[in-house]
Amino acid sequence: MTIPYRCMLVALLLVALGGCAATEHSVNDLMQTRKSAYLAYQEGNYSEAIKQFNQLVAAMPKDSDLWFRLGNAYARNLQPRQAVLAYENALLRDPHLKKAWYNMGLVQLKEALKTFDEMAQYVSPDDPIGQQGVMMRARLIQLLQQQENPQTSSKQ
């Protein structure tokens, strides 16, 4: 084996080993970011959790659980549109993720309630559409209350 060939082989080996170390370091960084994201969420620091989960989904976009957790953080941070987008991303990756379906539905119901609340400011309750809006608002409130108190809804 000639010296230039050996040097090239050693250089390739060093590059390969350096790549392994960088990958291992990245995995450690991701594990630490994941811990930080979960801790921030548990402590109610949803803005920080969002930041951390966004880093995680950027690094691991196929992980449906991370997208789901990001959706939860957005929902808790009162950012419903971003929550729905994150839940949709989770469901694109795993359409059987039942908690994502449920949480997305709740966020959308709450947004619908806000729409009917706002509608009442602009549409007269004497108008047929206004009457339908008032009825729809009452139904949504009832649905959301049943969700918050499942014991009472099962007895009815």
Protein backbone atom coordinates (compact mmCIF):
# COMPACT_ATOMS: atom_id res chain seq x y z
CA MET A 1 0.00 0.00 0.00
CA THR A 2 1.47 3.35 -1.00
CA ILE A 3 1.77 6.26 1.44
CA PRO A 4 -0.71 8.54 -0.40
CA TYR A 5 -3.24 5.70 -0.45
CA ARG A 6 -2.78 5.09 3.30
CA CYS A 7 -3.15 8.82 4.03
CA MET A 8 -6.34 8.93 2.01
CA LEU A 9 -7.68 5.86 3.85
CA VAL A 10 -6.87 7.39 7.26
CA ALA A 11 -8.49 10.68 6.21
CA LEU A 12 -11.66 8.86 5.12
CA LEU A 13 -11.73 6.93 8.39
CA LEU A 14 -11.37 10.16 10.40
CA VAL A 15 -14.17 11.81 8.43
CA ALA A 16 -16.40 8.78 9.02
CA LEU A 17 -15.63 8.72 12.72
CA GLY A 18 -16.16 12.47 12.95
CA GLY A 19 -19.57 12.03 11.33
CA CYS A 20 -20.48 9.39 13.92
CA ALA A 21 -19.47 11.68 16.75
CA ALA A 22 -21.49 14.53 15.26
CA THR A 23 -24.51 12.26 14.90
CA GLU A 24 -24.18 11.04 18.48
CA HIS A 25 -23.85 14.62 19.68
CA SER A 26 -26.97 15.56 17.72
CA VAL A 27 -28.90 12.69 19.27
CA ASN A 28 -27.82 13.85 22.73
CA ASP A 29 -28.86 17.41 21.85
CA LEU A 30 -32.24 16.18 20.66
CA MET A 31 -32.75 14.14 23.81
CA GLN A 32 -31.94 17.19 25.93
CA THR A 33 -34.26 19.38 23.85
CA ARG A 34 -37.03 16.80 24.28
CA LYS A 35 -36.55 16.79 28.06
CA SER A 36 -36.59 20.59 28.09
CA ALA A 37 -39.75 20.69 25.99
CA TYR A 38 -41.63 18.28 28.24
CA LEU A 39 -40.44 20.08 31.37
CA ALA A 40 -41.47 23.50 30.01
CA TYR A 41 -44.91 22.09 29.13
CA GLN A 42 -45.34 20.52 32.58
CA GLU A 43 -44.37 23.80 34.23
CA GLY A 44 -46.91 25.71 32.14
CA ASN A 45 -44.25 27.57 30.16
CA TYR A 46 -46.00 26.95 26.86
CA SER A 47 -44.04 29.53 24.85
CA GLU A 48 -40.80 27.76 25.72
CA ALA A 49 -42.37 24.36 25.06
CA ILE A 50 -43.48 25.59 21.62
CA LYS A 51 -39.96 26.78 20.86
CA GLN A 52 -38.46 23.43 21.90
CA PHE A 53 -41.08 21.28 20.14
CA ASN A 54 -40.63 23.33 16.96
CA GLN A 55 -36.91 22.52 17.07
CA LEU A 56 -37.74 18.86 17.53
CA VAL A 57 -40.24 18.63 14.66
CA ALA A 58 -37.76 20.43 12.42
CA ALA A 59 -35.16 17.78 13.26
CA MET A 60 -37.58 14.82 13.27
CA PRO A 61 -40.52 15.79 11.03
CA LYS A 62 -41.89 12.22 10.83
CA ASP A 63 -42.47 11.93 14.59
CA SER A 64 -46.25 12.21 15.03
CA ASP A 65 -46.00 12.38 18.83
CA LEU A 66 -43.83 15.50 18.66
CA TRP A 67 -46.35 17.17 16.34
CA PHE A 68 -49.13 16.19 18.76
CA ARG A 69 -47.22 17.65 21.72
CA LEU A 70 -46.59 20.83 19.72
CA GLY A 71 -50.34 21.07 19.06
CA ASN A 72 -51.06 20.70 22.77
CA ALA A 73 -48.57 23.44 23.63
CA TYR A 74 -50.14 25.78 21.05
CA ALA A 75 -53.62 24.98 22.36
CA ARG A 76 -52.56 25.71 25.95
CA ASN A 77 -50.89 28.92 24.78
CA LEU A 78 -54.20 30.03 23.22
CA GLN A 79 -52.96 29.75 19.65
CA PRO A 80 -55.74 27.62 18.13
CA ARG A 81 -54.84 27.97 14.46
CA GLN A 82 -51.28 26.82 15.07
CA ALA A 83 -52.60 24.02 17.30
CA VAL A 84 -54.85 22.73 14.52
CA LEU A 85 -51.98 22.85 12.02
CA ALA A 86 -49.75 20.86 14.39
CA TYR A 87 -52.51 18.30 15.03
CA GLU A 88 -53.05 17.98 11.26
CA ASN A 89 -49.32 17.32 10.85
CA ALA A 90 -49.49 14.65 13.56
CA LEU A 91 -52.43 13.01 11.82
CA LEU A 92 -50.72 13.09 8.42
CA ARG A 93 -48.01 10.97 9.97
CA ASP A 94 -50.31 8.77 12.06
CA PRO A 95 -54.03 8.94 11.22
CA HIS A 96 -54.76 6.54 14.12
CA LEU A 97 -53.58 9.05 16.74
CA LYS A 98 -56.95 9.33 18.46
CA LYS A 99 -55.90 12.00 20.98
CA ALA A 100 -54.87 14.31 18.13
CA TRP A 101 -58.29 13.89 16.48
CA TYR A 102 -60.04 14.58 19.77
CA ASN A 103 -57.92 17.58 20.78
CA MET A 104 -58.17 19.09 17.31
CA GLY A 105 -61.96 18.73 17.46
CA LEU A 106 -62.09 20.46 20.85
CA VAL A 107 -59.97 23.35 19.63
CA GLN A 108 -62.21 23.71 16.58
CA LEU A 109 -65.37 23.60 18.71
CA LYS A 110 -64.01 26.37 20.93
CA GLU A 111 -63.17 28.43 17.87
CA ALA A 112 -66.68 27.88 16.51
CA LEU A 113 -68.12 29.10 19.82
CA LYS A 114 -66.02 32.26 19.55
CA THR A 115 -67.39 32.78 16.04
CA PHE A 116 -70.99 32.54 17.22
CA ASP A 117 -70.22 34.83 20.18
CA GLU A 118 -68.86 37.41 17.77
CA MET A 119 -71.77 36.90 15.38
CA ALA A 120 -74.16 37.99 18.15
CA GLN A 121 -72.50 41.42 18.14
CA TYR A 122 -73.34 42.01 14.50
CA VAL A 123 -76.44 40.00 13.65
CA SER A 124 -79.77 40.77 15.29
CA PRO A 125 -81.30 37.91 17.31
CA ASP A 126 -84.58 38.76 15.54
CA ASP A 127 -83.04 37.80 12.19
CA PRO A 128 -83.59 34.11 11.28
CA ILE A 129 -79.82 33.62 10.82
CA GLY A 130 -79.23 35.39 14.13
CA GLN A 131 -81.68 33.00 15.81
CA GLN A 132 -79.85 30.02 14.32
CA GLY A 133 -76.57 31.47 15.55
CA VAL A 134 -77.95 31.81 19.09
CA MET A 135 -79.18 28.20 19.01
CA MET A 136 -75.87 26.94 17.63
CA ARG A 137 -73.98 28.84 20.34
CA ALA A 138 -76.16 27.21 23.03
CA ARG A 139 -75.53 23.75 21.56
CA LEU A 140 -71.79 24.32 21.45
CA ILE A 141 -71.76 25.47 25.07
CA GLN A 142 -73.69 22.35 26.03
CA LEU A 143 -71.27 20.10 24.11
CA LEU A 144 -68.22 21.71 25.68
CA GLN A 145 -69.72 21.49 29.15
CA GLN A 146 -70.41 17.79 28.62
CA GLN A 147 -66.80 17.33 27.58
CA GLU A 148 -65.60 19.04 30.76
CA ASN A 149 -67.96 16.97 32.95
CA PRO A 150 -68.20 13.53 31.33
CA GLN A 151 -69.88 12.03 34.41
CA THR A 152 -72.93 14.28 34.02
CA SER A 153 -73.27 13.67 30.29
CA SER A 154 -73.30 9.86 30.72
CA LYS A 155 -76.15 10.10 33.24
CA GLN A 156 -78.42 12.01 30.84
